[in-house]
C-alpha atoms as a PDB file:
ATOM      1  CA  MET A   1      -3.393 -26.399  -7.126  1.00  0.00           C
ATOM      2  CA  HIS A   2      -0.189 -25.394  -8.918  1.00  0.00           C
ATOM      3  CA  GLN A   3      -2.017 -24.583 -12.164  1.00  0.00           C
ATOM      4  CA  ILE A   4      -4.285 -21.943 -10.595  1.00  0.00           C
ATOM      5  CA  GLU A   5      -3.752 -18.509 -12.175  1.00  0.00           C
ATOM      6  CA  PRO A   6      -3.940 -15.465  -9.904  1.00  0.00           C
ATOM      7  CA  TYR A   7      -6.792 -13.052 -10.579  1.00  0.00           C
ATOM      8  CA  TYR A   8      -5.101  -9.897 -11.895  1.00  0.00           C
ATOM      9  CA  ASN A   9      -8.256  -7.952 -12.813  1.00  0.00           C
ATOM     10  CA  TRP A  10      -8.565  -6.466  -9.318  1.00  0.00           C
ATOM     11  CA  LEU A  11      -5.440  -4.312  -9.912  1.00  0.00           C
ATOM     12  CA  LYS A  12      -7.525  -1.726 -11.749  1.00  0.00           C
ATOM     13  CA  TYR A  13      -9.405  -1.075  -8.479  1.00  0.00           C
ATOM     14  CA  TYR A  14      -6.572  -1.225  -5.946  1.00  0.00           C
ATOM     15  CA  ASN A  15      -2.802  -1.419  -6.316  1.00  0.00           C
ATOM     16  CA  PRO A  16      -0.972  -1.891  -2.983  1.00  0.00           C
ATOM     17  CA  ALA A  17       2.315  -0.720  -4.528  1.00  0.00           C
ATOM     18  CA  LYS A  18       0.816   2.746  -5.050  1.00  0.00           C
ATOM     19  CA  ASP A  19      -0.896   3.059  -1.654  1.00  0.00           C
ATOM     20  CA  PRO A  20       1.266   4.920   0.916  1.00  0.00           C
ATOM     21  CA  GLN A  21      -0.650   3.180   3.740  1.00  0.00           C
ATOM     22  CA  SER A  22       0.250  -0.283   2.437  1.00  0.00           C
ATOM     23  CA  PRO A  23       3.321  -2.214   3.658  1.00  0.00           C
ATOM     24  CA  PHE A  24       3.941  -3.070  -0.025  1.00  0.00           C
ATOM     25  CA  TYR A  25       4.206   0.612  -1.053  1.00  0.00           C
ATOM     26  CA  GLY A  26       6.896   1.115  -3.687  1.00  0.00           C
ATOM     27  CA  LYS A  27       7.400  -2.609  -4.344  1.00  0.00           C
ATOM     28  CA  GLU A  28       7.892  -3.565  -7.982  1.00  0.00           C
ATOM     29  CA  TYR A  29       6.126  -6.734  -9.079  1.00  0.00           C
ATOM     30  CA  ASN A  30       7.102  -9.003 -11.944  1.00  0.00           C
ATOM     31  CA  PHE A  31       4.019 -10.879 -13.152  1.00  0.00           C
ATOM     32  CA  ASP A  32       6.007 -13.035 -15.581  1.00  0.00           C
ATOM     33  CA  GLN A  33       8.312 -14.664 -13.028  1.00  0.00           C
ATOM     34  CA  TYR A  34       7.797 -15.606  -9.387  1.00  0.00           C
ATOM     35  CA  SER A  35      10.287 -14.012  -7.003  1.00  0.00           C
ATOM     36  CA  ASP A  36       8.758 -14.808  -3.597  1.00  0.00           C
ATOM     37  CA  THR A  37       8.135 -18.192  -2.019  1.00  0.00           C
ATOM     38  CA  ILE A  38       5.058 -19.324  -0.129  1.00  0.00           C
ATOM     39  CA  TYR A  39       5.595 -21.780   2.710  1.00  0.00           C
ATOM     40  CA  GLY A  40       9.042 -22.664   1.370  1.00  0.00           C
ATOM     41  CA  TYR A  41       7.843 -23.870  -2.052  1.00  0.00           C
END
């Protein structure tokens, strides 16, 4: 489970950081390093 790569190809269709209706609007993502945790891991 920890070796699964996220599917990044969908970003060409929709980017939540550029959508003013999204709660993630204006957030800067770093795809080389993880900055957020999921379930405390």
